[in-house]
Amino acid sequence: MEKQIVGKKLRWSVAKAMSCVCETVQDSKLRIKETNDYKTAIKRLTSLYDLTAVRIWILCLVCERYFNKNKSTSMKDLSEAVGTPVMSIIWWKADVQSLIERGFLEWDKYNVEFQPVREFCDSLYDNAVFVPQKHEVDEIEFLNTFAEKYESRRREDMRARQIQYELMKYEHNYENLDMIKRVIKEIETPVNRFFLYDVANDVLEGNESGLNATISDLYDGNERYNVAKDMMEERHELFTKGLIEFTQKGSLSDAEISLTEKGKKLVLGEKAALFEDALNDKNLIKADSIKAKKLFYSPENEKQIARLKNALADERLKEIQKRLEADGLPVGIAVLLYGAPGTGKTESVMQIARETGRHIVHVDISESKSAWFGESEKRIKKVFTSYRNACEICEKKGEKIPILLFNEADAIISKRKDSTAGNVAQTENAMQNIILEELENLKGIFIATTNLAENMDAAFERRFLFKIKFENPSEEAKAAIWMSKLSWMDERGARSLAAEYDFSGGQIDNIVRKIAMDEIIIGKRPDEEEIREMCRSEKLNLQGVGNRIGFGV
């Protein structure tokens, strides 16, 4: 907020009064000789600015150095001016902070020295009344200042109790900030709030927080190790309340933490949207990057896919969701594409996304499974939390919400395992429970593909609004696929291959790739018999091998 100078002139000289105070305090070793002139000057100044005598001393010394040497002032400069060791006036630091907060002083650009504000200097030139206005601090500046105080702990070798006491005073000064009200209501223990502020400042700077370094900011000795143990075991209040989470876990020295989405909203309020997880480029497939590809469906599938595309068109989807909400029904669109491998399930999702202009958030199921017990559930929960936040951000920006794709989701939508079978079974069951709960409350678009629908848990079946079965194409469709892939193949040859080999679209793709490779390696196109040989070798001969083990691909 802008500081004001009132035009009223004073009958006595402010600068002369400040000069008198300076002469008395300088080299005094704080043994003040209270002459009549000094008493008059200090009385006038303390009354005019509503400051204590010590703060008037500081203000006078800072101005003297600024006007005389055009320099900012440090605590060391103040101690040299009065002729005492720094430690004898270290308690003045709180008074300096108060002068800054009251609007008389400001930090210089390095934030380790201070100087008078321009408006106060102007008031001295004009011998006018300077009316300071308290410096207004927002959440971002509050958190930045907290981080600076941690830095001062390292520079000044302060004990943990000292820095905690300073932080309590600073928090108290701004207890009317909405952020502080929210955090105090949620977290009663001050030092736990301070830990949260420290992590929040790292979020503002786009960084993860090293757990060990963050603990070292606030704690000393054995207390540091007790807190570390609670953190690593996730028994600390900030973990149990879902405000922080590990982004990397291992040893204490390697562990990194950050705010959860709940933590961001608690600390940052409306500003949390600026720091919510964006869609991860690693797992993001952009609609405009998907190449158009002609797919061949049975008449029934063609009808179902067309209905799905129409439902996902942006304006149509908004209308549908508005109607469903009005009728008290779930508004999310959950889709299951199931059937034999290579029948076009994944490619269908790509083409639907391309045609409706929606990005795809592709979830790698294997990445969601962690070797750390309990981490898999958190990862799968984070997938949905991040997706939900991404949808909210898209809606605020007027953009289309993306599609959340669980490709080859056999392992996590299959029938539940006996919970007594071990930790793996318990983890997979827990992941399924999370997904079921999220689908129940879904507000976006979820598509899962699977080759093993017959093994799907019954609880999942009712949560999918669209269930589309993909089968191997008919002879007519297969012939059309052959001709679309090999433009030089005539209808007779295509129909012959379609009748002889019951291939999926994916298997036909494999043959086409082999043909292309032969054309490059040998320098000529394979003849009809060579193509048939490729077709015969495409099917694995599993006679006598026994039952197949593992998931379909």
Protein backbone atom coordinates (compact mmCIF):
# COMPACT_ATOMS: atom_id res chain seq x y z
CA MET A 1 0.00 0.00 0.00
CA GLU A 2 1.36 3.47 -0.86
CA LYS A 3 2.78 5.48 2.03
CA GLN A 4 1.45 9.00 2.51
CA ILE A 5 3.05 12.34 3.35
CA VAL A 6 0.68 14.89 4.89
CA GLY A 7 1.45 18.44 3.73
CA LYS A 8 1.23 19.96 7.23
CA LYS A 9 4.50 21.63 8.29
CA LEU A 10 5.94 21.38 11.78
CA ARG A 11 7.09 24.34 13.88
CA TRP A 12 10.15 22.42 15.07
CA SER A 13 12.72 20.66 12.88
CA VAL A 14 12.39 16.86 12.69
CA ALA A 15 15.85 16.56 11.14
CA LYS A 16 17.40 18.64 13.92
CA ALA A 17 15.71 16.49 16.58
CA MET A 18 16.99 13.32 14.87
CA SER A 19 20.48 14.83 14.68
CA CYS A 20 20.40 15.51 18.43
CA VAL A 21 19.40 11.89 19.13
CA CYS A 22 22.19 10.63 16.84
CA GLU A 23 24.84 12.73 18.62
CA THR A 24 23.67 11.39 21.98
CA VAL A 25 23.49 7.72 20.99
CA GLN A 26 26.60 7.44 18.80
CA ASP A 27 29.62 6.02 20.65
CA SER A 28 27.56 6.07 23.85
CA LYS A 29 27.92 2.35 24.54
CA LEU A 30 24.22 2.75 25.40
CA ARG A 31 25.03 4.93 28.41
CA ILE A 32 22.70 7.73 27.33
CA LYS A 33 23.37 11.25 28.68
CA GLU A 34 19.88 12.69 28.92
CA THR A 35 20.50 16.38 28.35
CA ASN A 36 17.57 18.79 28.11
CA ASP A 37 17.99 18.95 24.32
CA TYR A 38 17.99 15.15 24.09
CA LYS A 39 14.90 14.85 26.33
CA THR A 40 13.02 17.37 24.19
CA ALA A 41 14.07 15.68 20.92
CA ILE A 42 13.26 12.11 22.00
CA LYS A 43 9.91 13.19 23.46
CA ARG A 44 8.91 14.95 20.26
CA LEU A 45 10.00 12.07 18.01
CA THR A 46 8.44 9.26 20.06
CA SER A 47 5.18 11.20 20.19
CA LEU A 48 5.21 12.14 16.50
CA TYR A 49 5.85 8.62 15.20
CA ASP A 50 4.38 6.58 18.07
CA LEU A 51 7.65 4.65 18.46
CA THR A 52 9.68 3.52 21.46
CA ALA A 53 12.94 5.29 22.27
CA VAL A 54 15.00 2.33 20.99
CA ARG A 55 13.21 2.40 17.64
CA ILE A 56 13.80 6.14 17.39
CA TRP A 57 17.53 5.48 18.03
CA ILE A 58 17.59 2.89 15.24
CA LEU A 59 15.69 5.14 12.84
CA CYS A 60 18.03 8.07 13.52
CA LEU A 61 21.19 5.97 13.09
CA VAL A 62 19.94 4.40 9.85
CA CYS A 63 19.02 7.81 8.40
CA GLU A 64 22.37 9.32 9.45
CA ARG A 65 24.25 6.53 7.59
CA TYR A 66 21.95 6.76 4.58
CA PHE A 67 22.24 10.56 4.18
CA ASN A 68 25.93 10.77 5.15
CA LYS A 69 27.31 7.75 3.26
CA ASN A 70 24.43 6.78 0.93
CA LYS A 71 24.59 3.27 2.37
CA SER A 72 22.19 0.76 3.86
CA THR A 73 22.67 -0.44 7.44
CA SER A 74 23.30 -3.84 8.96
CA MET A 75 23.15 -4.98 12.58
CA LYS A 76 26.95 -4.78 12.64
CA ASP A 77 26.80 -1.16 11.45
CA LEU A 78 24.40 -0.32 14.28
CA SER A 79 26.69 -1.92 16.88
CA GLU A 80 29.69 0.01 15.55
CA ALA A 81 27.70 3.26 15.61
CA VAL A 82 26.82 2.93 19.30
CA GLY A 83 30.21 1.41 20.21
CA THR A 84 29.06 -2.00 21.51
CA PRO A 85 29.46 -5.64 20.39
CA VAL A 86 26.80 -6.92 18.01
CA MET A 87 25.56 -9.42 20.59
CA SER A 88 24.70 -6.61 23.00
CA ILE A 89 22.13 -5.19 20.55
CA ILE A 90 21.05 -8.43 18.82
CA TRP A 91 17.63 -7.98 20.39
CA TRP A 92 17.22 -4.82 18.30
CA LYS A 93 16.52 -7.08 15.33
CA ALA A 94 12.87 -7.34 16.43
CA ASP A 95 12.70 -3.52 16.54
CA VAL A 96 14.17 -3.30 13.04
CA GLN A 97 11.56 -5.78 11.84
CA SER A 98 8.85 -3.67 13.47
CA LEU A 99 10.11 -0.51 11.72
CA ILE A 100 9.98 -2.39 8.43
CA GLU A 101 6.47 -3.65 9.09
CA ARG A 102 5.36 -0.16 10.18
CA GLY A 103 6.66 1.29 6.91
CA PHE A 104 9.64 3.39 8.11
CA LEU A 105 12.39 1.10 6.80
CA GLU A 106 12.72 -1.38 3.95
CA TRP A 107 15.08 -4.22 3.16
CA ASP A 108 17.62 -3.63 0.45
CA LYS A 109 17.69 -5.99 -2.54
CA TYR A 110 19.87 -8.56 -0.74
CA ASN A 111 17.54 -8.58 2.25
CA VAL A 112 20.34 -8.48 4.86
CA GLU A 113 20.53 -4.68 5.30
CA PHE A 114 17.91 -1.97 5.64
CA GLN A 115 17.40 1.68 4.76
CA PRO A 116 14.78 4.41 5.19
CA VAL A 117 11.89 4.38 2.73
CA ARG A 118 11.88 7.14 0.13
CA GLU A 119 8.72 8.78 1.47
CA PHE A 120 10.21 9.14 4.95
CA CYS A 121 13.30 10.81 3.46
CA ASP A 122 11.05 13.20 1.51
CA SER A 123 9.20 14.15 4.71
CA LEU A 124 12.54 15.16 6.30
CA TYR A 125 13.41 17.35 3.33
CA ASP A 126 10.03 19.11 3.63
CA ASN A 127 9.90 19.04 7.47
CA ALA A 128 6.42 17.56 7.04
CA VAL A 129 4.53 14.93 8.99
CA PHE A 130 5.15 11.41 7.68
CA VAL A 131 2.18 9.11 8.29
CA PRO A 132 3.34 5.50 7.80
CA GLN A 133 0.95 2.81 6.78
CA LYS A 134 1.62 -0.70 7.96
CA HIS A 135 3.17 -2.85 5.27
CA GLU A 136 0.53 -5.23 3.99
CA VAL A 137 1.81 -8.77 3.66
CA ASP A 138 0.06 -11.39 1.51
CA GLU A 139 0.45 -15.16 1.76
CA ILE A 140 3.29 -15.30 -0.76
CA GLU A 141 5.38 -12.63 0.98
CA PHE A 142 4.65 -14.19 4.36
CA LEU A 143 6.03 -17.55 3.20
CA ASN A 144 9.04 -15.91 1.54
CA THR A 145 9.88 -14.09 4.77
CA PHE A 146 9.59 -17.36 6.68
CA ALA A 147 12.18 -18.87 4.34
CA GLU A 148 14.46 -15.87 4.88
CA LYS A 149 14.24 -16.39 8.64
CA TYR A 150 15.38 -19.99 8.18
CA GLU A 151 18.34 -18.68 6.21
CA SER A 152 19.19 -16.26 9.05
CA ARG A 153 19.21 -19.23 11.46
CA ARG A 154 22.02 -20.76 9.42
CA ARG A 155 23.94 -17.48 9.04
CA GLU A 156 23.67 -16.52 12.71
CA ASP A 157 23.95 -20.04 14.13
CA MET A 158 20.71 -19.65 16.06
CA ARG A 159 19.36 -22.42 18.26
CA ALA A 160 16.12 -24.11 17.25
CA ARG A 161 14.25 -22.57 20.19
CA GLN A 162 15.35 -19.09 19.11
CA ILE A 163 14.14 -19.45 15.53
CA GLN A 164 10.88 -21.02 16.68
CA TYR A 165 10.30 -18.08 19.05
CA GLU A 166 10.96 -15.59 16.23
CA LEU A 167 8.60 -17.45 13.93
CA MET A 168 5.86 -17.45 16.57
CA LYS A 169 6.17 -13.67 16.91
CA TYR A 170 6.12 -13.20 13.16
CA GLU A 171 3.09 -15.44 12.71
CA HIS A 172 1.32 -13.57 15.53
CA ASN A 173 1.92 -10.23 13.76
CA TYR A 174 -0.09 -11.48 10.77
CA GLU A 175 -2.61 -13.73 12.47
CA ASN A 176 -5.42 -11.95 10.60
CA LEU A 177 -4.21 -13.35 7.28
CA ASP A 178 -6.79 -15.83 5.97
CA MET A 179 -4.00 -18.33 5.32
CA ILE A 180 -2.84 -18.23 8.94
CA LYS A 181 -6.38 -18.53 10.23
CA ARG A 182 -6.89 -21.65 8.09
CA VAL A 183 -3.61 -23.24 9.11
CA ILE A 184 -4.01 -22.49 12.84
CA LYS A 185 -7.51 -23.97 12.76
CA GLU A 186 -6.16 -27.18 11.20
CA ILE A 187 -2.81 -27.48 13.04
CA GLU A 188 -2.57 -26.57 16.72
CA THR A 189 1.18 -27.18 17.21
CA PRO A 190 3.17 -24.09 16.07
CA VAL A 191 6.30 -25.92 14.97
CA ASN A 192 4.23 -28.21 12.75
CA ARG A 193 2.71 -25.14 11.12
CA PHE A 194 6.18 -23.72 10.57
CA PHE A 195 7.27 -26.98 8.91
CA LEU A 196 4.26 -26.69 6.60
CA TYR A 197 5.13 -23.06 5.73
CA ASP A 198 8.70 -24.12 4.90
CA VAL A 199 7.49 -26.83 2.50
CA ALA A 200 4.92 -24.42 1.01
CA ASN A 201 7.64 -21.91 0.17
CA ASP A 202 9.49 -24.61 -1.78
CA VAL A 203 6.27 -25.24 -3.72
CA LEU A 204 6.13 -21.53 -4.58
CA GLU A 205 9.65 -21.80 -5.99
CA GLY A 206 8.79 -24.94 -7.96
CA ASN A 207 10.98 -27.23 -5.84
CA GLU A 208 10.57 -30.40 -3.85
CA SER A 209 11.64 -30.21 -0.18
CA GLY A 210 14.52 -32.36 1.02
CA LEU A 211 13.13 -33.97 4.17
CA ASN A 212 16.43 -33.93 6.06
CA ALA A 213 17.15 -30.28 5.21
CA THR A 214 13.63 -29.18 6.14
CA ILE A 215 13.85 -30.92 9.52
CA SER A 216 17.25 -29.27 10.09
CA ASP A 217 15.64 -25.85 9.52
CA LEU A 218 13.53 -26.21 12.66
CA TYR A 219 15.01 -28.77 15.02
CA ASP A 220 18.22 -29.53 16.93
CA GLY A 221 19.71 -32.65 18.50
CA ASN A 222 17.57 -35.63 19.44
CA GLU A 223 14.37 -33.79 18.58
CA ARG A 224 15.53 -33.77 14.97
CA TYR A 225 15.82 -37.56 14.91
CA ASN A 226 12.47 -38.09 16.65
CA VAL A 227 10.73 -35.93 14.05
CA ALA A 228 12.61 -37.69 11.24
CA LYS A 229 11.42 -41.07 12.51
CA ASP A 230 7.79 -39.92 12.64
CA MET A 231 8.10 -38.48 9.15
CA MET A 232 9.69 -41.57 7.60
CA GLU A 233 7.02 -43.76 9.18
CA GLU A 234 4.35 -41.24 8.10
CA ARG A 235 3.04 -40.94 11.65
CA HIS A 236 3.66 -37.20 11.82
CA GLU A 237 0.56 -34.98 12.01
CA LEU A 238 1.25 -33.43 8.59
CA PHE A 239 1.19 -36.92 7.03
CA THR A 240 -1.79 -38.27 8.96
CA LYS A 241 -3.83 -35.20 8.00
CA GLY A 242 -2.88 -35.64 4.34
CA LEU A 243 -1.08 -32.29 4.01
CA ILE A 244 2.34 -33.50 2.85
CA GLU A 245 3.49 -36.55 0.92
CA PHE A 246 6.66 -38.19 -0.29
CA THR A 247 7.61 -37.47 -3.86
CA GLN A 248 10.67 -39.67 -3.42
CA LYS A 249 11.23 -42.10 -0.59
CA GLY A 250 14.32 -44.01 0.42
CA SER A 251 16.75 -43.08 3.13
CA LEU A 252 16.33 -39.89 5.12
CA SER A 253 19.04 -38.15 3.12
CA ASP A 254 17.35 -39.05 -0.20
CA ALA A 255 13.71 -38.49 0.79
CA GLU A 256 11.83 -35.59 -0.78
CA ILE A 257 8.43 -34.27 0.22
CA SER A 258 5.90 -31.75 -1.05
CA LEU A 259 2.44 -30.47 -0.26
CA THR A 260 -0.48 -32.65 -1.26
CA GLU A 261 -3.30 -30.97 -3.16
CA LYS A 262 -5.12 -30.71 0.18
CA GLY A 263 -2.04 -29.06 1.69
CA LYS A 264 -1.79 -26.58 -1.18
CA LYS A 265 -5.41 -25.58 -0.77
CA LEU A 266 -5.01 -25.21 3.01
CA VAL A 267 -1.95 -22.97 2.81
CA LEU A 268 -2.46 -21.13 -0.48
CA GLY A 269 -6.25 -20.96 -0.65
CA GLU A 270 -7.41 -19.60 -4.03
CA LYS A 271 -3.78 -19.24 -5.13
CA ALA A 272 -3.43 -23.05 -4.93
CA ALA A 273 -4.75 -23.29 -8.50
CA LEU A 274 -1.54 -21.61 -9.68
CA PHE A 275 0.52 -24.45 -8.20
CA GLU A 276 -1.69 -27.47 -8.76
CA ASP A 277 -0.18 -30.38 -10.61
CA ALA A 278 -0.25 -29.73 -14.31
CA LEU A 279 -0.75 -32.63 -16.68
CA ASN A 280 2.51 -34.55 -16.79
CA ASP A 281 3.95 -34.25 -20.31
CA LYS A 282 5.48 -37.69 -19.90
CA ASN A 283 2.02 -39.29 -19.73
CA LEU A 284 0.15 -36.72 -21.80
CA ILE A 285 -0.90 -37.47 -25.36
CA LYS A 286 -2.05 -34.27 -27.03
CA ALA A 287 -5.03 -34.46 -29.37
CA ASP A 288 -3.29 -32.58 -32.18
CA SER A 289 -0.34 -35.00 -32.08
CA ILE A 290 -2.50 -38.05 -32.91
CA LYS A 291 -2.40 -39.02 -36.57
CA ALA A 292 -5.67 -39.80 -38.31
CA LYS A 293 -6.14 -43.51 -38.91
CA LYS A 294 -9.03 -45.32 -40.58
CA LEU A 295 -10.47 -48.06 -38.37
CA PHE A 296 -12.77 -50.86 -39.46
CA TYR A 297 -15.60 -51.89 -37.16
CA SER A 298 -18.50 -54.29 -37.26
CA PRO A 299 -21.85 -52.53 -37.81
CA GLU A 300 -22.66 -52.88 -34.09
CA ASN A 301 -19.30 -51.49 -32.98
CA GLU A 302 -19.56 -48.69 -35.50
CA LYS A 303 -22.86 -47.65 -33.94
CA GLN A 304 -21.49 -47.79 -30.36
CA ILE A 305 -18.32 -45.85 -31.19
CA ALA A 306 -20.35 -43.17 -32.99
CA ARG A 307 -22.61 -42.79 -29.92
CA LEU A 308 -19.55 -42.45 -27.67
CA LYS A 309 -17.95 -39.82 -29.92
CA ASN A 310 -21.18 -37.84 -29.94
CA ALA A 311 -21.40 -38.01 -26.14
CA LEU A 312 -17.83 -36.71 -25.78
CA ALA A 313 -18.27 -33.75 -28.12
CA ASP A 314 -17.71 -30.75 -25.85
CA GLU A 315 -21.08 -28.97 -25.94
CA ARG A 316 -22.96 -32.28 -25.98
CA LEU A 317 -21.02 -33.55 -22.95
CA LYS A 318 -21.82 -30.40 -20.97
CA GLU A 319 -25.52 -30.81 -21.79
CA ILE A 320 -25.45 -34.48 -20.78
CA GLN A 321 -23.67 -33.78 -17.49
CA LYS A 322 -26.03 -30.93 -16.65
CA ARG A 323 -29.03 -33.22 -17.24
CA LEU A 324 -27.52 -36.08 -15.22
CA GLU A 325 -26.73 -33.73 -12.32
CA ALA A 326 -30.28 -32.36 -12.36
CA ASP A 327 -31.60 -35.94 -12.16
CA GLY A 328 -29.28 -36.74 -9.24
CA LEU A 329 -27.22 -39.17 -11.29
CA PRO A 330 -23.40 -39.55 -11.53
CA VAL A 331 -22.06 -37.14 -14.16
CA GLY A 332 -18.79 -38.93 -15.02
CA ILE A 333 -18.43 -40.89 -18.26
CA ALA A 334 -16.69 -44.23 -17.64
CA VAL A 335 -16.01 -46.46 -20.65
CA LEU A 336 -14.76 -50.03 -20.92
CA LEU A 337 -13.33 -51.28 -24.21
CA TYR A 338 -12.74 -55.02 -24.02
CA GLY A 339 -11.93 -57.90 -26.30
CA ALA A 340 -9.14 -59.83 -27.97
CA PRO A 341 -5.65 -58.30 -28.30
CA GLY A 342 -4.96 -56.28 -31.45
CA THR A 343 -8.59 -55.51 -32.21
CA GLY A 344 -8.18 -51.71 -32.10
CA LYS A 345 -9.20 -50.80 -28.54
CA THR A 346 -6.30 -48.45 -27.84
CA GLU A 347 -6.31 -46.97 -31.33
CA SER A 348 -10.03 -46.32 -30.98
CA VAL A 349 -9.34 -44.22 -27.86
CA MET A 350 -6.70 -42.27 -29.81
CA GLN A 351 -9.05 -41.54 -32.69
CA ILE A 352 -11.92 -40.59 -30.35
CA ALA A 353 -9.54 -38.15 -28.59
CA ARG A 354 -8.36 -36.70 -31.91
CA GLU A 355 -11.86 -36.21 -33.27
CA THR A 356 -13.24 -34.69 -30.05
CA GLY A 357 -10.14 -32.54 -29.47
CA ARG A 358 -9.36 -34.00 -26.05
CA HIS A 359 -5.91 -34.75 -24.66
CA ILE A 360 -5.27 -38.18 -23.12
CA VAL A 361 -3.72 -38.71 -19.69
CA HIS A 362 -2.23 -42.16 -20.19
CA VAL A 363 -1.64 -44.14 -17.00
CA ASP A 364 1.09 -46.77 -17.01
CA ILE A 365 -0.26 -49.38 -14.59
CA SER A 366 3.20 -50.82 -13.96
CA GLU A 367 4.43 -47.39 -12.79
CA SER A 368 1.60 -47.22 -10.28
CA LYS A 369 2.87 -50.33 -8.56
CA SER A 370 5.65 -49.57 -6.12
CA ALA A 371 8.05 -51.81 -4.31
CA TRP A 372 7.37 -49.74 -1.18
CA PHE A 373 4.46 -51.22 0.71
CA GLY A 374 1.61 -48.75 0.76
CA GLU A 375 3.07 -46.54 -1.99
CA SER A 376 0.96 -48.08 -4.78
CA GLU A 377 -2.27 -46.93 -3.17
CA LYS A 378 -0.90 -43.40 -2.83
CA ARG A 379 0.25 -43.33 -6.44
CA ILE A 380 -3.10 -44.47 -7.80
CA LYS A 381 -4.86 -41.95 -5.54
CA LYS A 382 -2.56 -39.22 -6.83
CA VAL A 383 -3.41 -40.17 -10.42
CA PHE A 384 -7.08 -39.38 -9.79
CA THR A 385 -6.33 -36.31 -7.65
CA SER A 386 -4.11 -34.84 -10.36
CA TYR A 387 -6.66 -35.70 -13.04
CA ARG A 388 -9.46 -34.06 -11.04
CA ASN A 389 -7.37 -30.93 -10.57
CA ALA A 390 -6.50 -30.91 -14.29
CA CYS A 391 -10.22 -31.05 -15.13
CA GLU A 392 -10.93 -28.13 -12.78
CA ILE A 393 -8.12 -26.08 -14.32
CA CYS A 394 -9.36 -26.86 -17.85
CA GLU A 395 -12.89 -25.79 -16.93
CA LYS A 396 -11.59 -22.50 -15.45
CA LYS A 397 -9.64 -21.83 -18.63
CA GLY A 398 -12.55 -22.80 -20.87
CA GLU A 399 -10.61 -25.78 -22.26
CA LYS A 400 -11.86 -29.30 -22.91
CA ILE A 401 -11.36 -31.76 -20.07
CA PRO A 402 -8.97 -34.61 -20.95
CA ILE A 403 -9.56 -38.35 -21.09
CA LEU A 404 -8.04 -40.49 -18.34
CA LEU A 405 -6.88 -43.73 -20.00
CA PHE A 406 -6.00 -46.91 -18.12
CA ASN A 407 -4.64 -49.06 -20.94
CA GLU A 408 -4.38 -52.83 -20.43
CA ALA A 409 -6.04 -52.48 -17.05
CA ASP A 410 -6.50 -56.24 -16.57
CA ALA A 411 -4.43 -56.41 -13.38
CA ILE A 412 -6.36 -53.78 -11.44
CA ILE A 413 -9.97 -54.42 -12.46
CA SER A 414 -9.79 -58.22 -12.16
CA LYS A 415 -11.61 -60.22 -9.52
CA ARG A 416 -10.47 -59.52 -6.00
CA LYS A 417 -7.92 -61.78 -4.42
CA ASP A 418 -8.10 -63.49 -1.06
CA SER A 419 -6.78 -60.86 1.39
CA THR A 420 -4.98 -63.62 3.30
CA ALA A 421 -2.88 -64.39 0.23
CA GLY A 422 -0.22 -61.86 1.17
CA ASN A 423 0.82 -58.23 0.83
CA VAL A 424 0.56 -58.15 -2.98
CA ALA A 425 -3.07 -59.29 -2.88
CA GLN A 426 -3.86 -56.74 -0.16
CA THR A 427 -2.24 -53.96 -2.18
CA GLU A 428 -4.13 -54.83 -5.37
CA ASN A 429 -7.41 -55.02 -3.45
CA ALA A 430 -6.69 -51.62 -1.88
CA MET A 431 -5.95 -50.14 -5.30
CA GLN A 432 -9.24 -51.54 -6.62
CA ASN A 433 -11.15 -49.99 -3.73
CA ILE A 434 -9.60 -46.59 -4.52
CA ILE A 435 -10.50 -46.87 -8.22
CA LEU A 436 -14.07 -47.96 -7.42
CA GLU A 437 -14.52 -45.01 -5.08
CA GLU A 438 -13.06 -42.60 -7.62
CA LEU A 439 -15.31 -43.92 -10.42
CA GLU A 440 -18.31 -43.44 -8.14
CA ASN A 441 -17.44 -39.74 -7.82
CA LEU A 442 -16.02 -39.26 -11.31
CA LYS A 443 -16.80 -35.96 -13.03
CA GLY A 444 -14.55 -36.42 -16.04
CA ILE A 445 -13.96 -39.07 -18.71
CA PHE A 446 -12.39 -42.42 -17.79
CA ILE A 447 -11.61 -45.12 -20.36
CA ALA A 448 -10.15 -48.54 -19.53
CA THR A 449 -9.08 -51.21 -22.00
CA THR A 450 -8.70 -54.87 -21.14
CA ASN A 451 -8.16 -58.19 -22.88
CA LEU A 452 -9.63 -60.17 -19.98
CA ALA A 453 -13.11 -58.79 -19.31
CA GLU A 454 -14.34 -62.21 -18.24
CA ASN A 455 -12.06 -61.89 -15.20
CA MET A 456 -13.37 -58.42 -14.26
CA ASP A 457 -14.69 -57.89 -10.75
CA ALA A 458 -18.47 -57.45 -10.72
CA ALA A 459 -18.16 -54.19 -8.74
CA PHE A 460 -16.50 -52.57 -11.74
CA GLU A 461 -19.09 -53.64 -14.28
CA ARG A 462 -21.90 -51.36 -13.08
CA ARG A 463 -19.57 -48.35 -12.92
CA PHE A 464 -18.93 -48.36 -16.68
CA LEU A 465 -21.58 -46.42 -18.58
CA PHE A 466 -20.32 -47.67 -21.97
CA LYS A 467 -19.11 -51.27 -22.40
CA ILE A 468 -17.97 -51.98 -25.94
CA LYS A 469 -16.75 -55.41 -26.97
CA PHE A 470 -14.11 -55.64 -29.73
CA GLU A 471 -13.92 -58.88 -31.69
CA ASN A 472 -11.69 -59.93 -34.54
CA PRO A 473 -12.95 -58.28 -37.73
CA SER A 474 -15.21 -60.08 -40.18
CA GLU A 475 -13.79 -61.39 -43.48
CA GLU A 476 -15.11 -58.36 -45.28
CA ALA A 477 -13.51 -56.00 -42.71
CA LYS A 478 -10.22 -57.92 -42.84
CA ALA A 479 -10.12 -57.65 -46.63
CA ALA A 480 -10.73 -53.91 -46.34
CA ILE A 481 -7.90 -53.63 -43.78
CA TRP A 482 -5.49 -55.51 -46.09
CA MET A 483 -6.29 -53.19 -48.99
CA SER A 484 -6.07 -50.04 -46.82
CA LYS A 485 -2.62 -51.08 -45.57
CA LEU A 486 -1.28 -52.35 -48.91
CA SER A 487 -2.61 -50.04 -51.62
CA TRP A 488 -1.15 -52.25 -54.36
CA MET A 489 -3.06 -55.39 -53.23
CA ASP A 490 -6.10 -56.26 -55.33
CA GLU A 491 -9.46 -57.34 -53.92
CA ARG A 492 -8.94 -60.99 -54.85
CA GLY A 493 -5.68 -61.28 -52.91
CA ALA A 494 -7.08 -59.38 -49.94
CA ARG A 495 -10.18 -61.59 -49.74
CA SER A 496 -8.05 -64.71 -50.02
CA LEU A 497 -5.85 -63.67 -47.08
CA ALA A 498 -8.89 -62.60 -45.06
CA ALA A 499 -10.57 -65.97 -45.55
CA GLU A 500 -7.47 -68.02 -44.80
CA TYR A 501 -6.11 -66.15 -41.74
CA ASP A 502 -8.29 -65.10 -38.81
CA PHE A 503 -6.15 -62.09 -37.89
CA SER A 504 -6.86 -59.08 -35.76
CA GLY A 505 -6.08 -55.62 -37.09
CA GLY A 506 -2.91 -55.61 -34.97
CA GLN A 507 -1.69 -58.86 -36.48
CA ILE A 508 -2.31 -57.56 -40.01
CA ASP A 509 -0.24 -54.50 -39.01
CA ASN A 510 2.63 -56.82 -38.09
CA ILE A 511 2.57 -58.47 -41.53
CA VAL A 512 2.50 -55.08 -43.25
CA ARG A 513 5.59 -53.98 -41.25
CA LYS A 514 7.44 -57.15 -42.28
CA ILE A 515 6.57 -56.50 -45.93
CA ALA A 516 7.95 -52.97 -45.62
CA MET A 517 11.14 -54.32 -44.03
CA ASP A 518 11.62 -56.85 -46.86
CA GLU A 519 11.17 -54.13 -49.46
CA ILE A 520 14.04 -52.20 -47.82
CA ILE A 521 16.33 -55.16 -47.04
CA ILE A 522 15.85 -57.23 -50.22
CA GLY A 523 14.96 -54.36 -52.53
CA LYS A 524 11.74 -55.90 -53.82
CA ARG A 525 8.17 -56.47 -52.74
CA PRO A 526 7.46 -60.03 -51.41
CA ASP A 527 5.35 -62.21 -53.68
CA GLU A 528 2.08 -63.84 -52.66
CA GLU A 529 3.69 -67.02 -51.31
CA GLU A 530 6.20 -65.06 -49.23
CA ILE A 531 3.36 -63.04 -47.74
CA ARG A 532 1.54 -66.25 -46.87
CA GLU A 533 4.70 -67.55 -45.18
CA MET A 534 4.77 -64.38 -43.07
CA CYS A 535 1.12 -65.00 -42.17
CA ARG A 536 1.80 -68.59 -41.14
CA SER A 537 4.68 -67.53 -38.88
CA GLU A 538 2.53 -64.81 -37.23
CA LYS A 539 0.56 -67.39 -35.27
CA LEU A 540 2.52 -69.05 -32.49
CA ASN A 541 2.47 -72.84 -32.55
CA LEU A 542 1.65 -73.60 -28.90
CA GLN A 543 0.85 -77.29 -29.34
CA GLY A 544 2.34 -79.23 -26.47
CA VAL A 545 3.52 -76.10 -24.70
CA GLY A 546 0.86 -76.30 -22.01
CA ASN A 547 -1.38 -73.66 -20.59
CA ARG A 548 -0.45 -70.07 -21.30
CA ILE A 549 0.77 -68.13 -18.28
CA GLY A 550 0.46 -64.36 -17.72
CA PHE A 551 -1.59 -61.55 -19.10
CA GLY A 552 -2.71 -61.17 -22.70
CA VAL A 553 -0.96 -58.54 -24.79
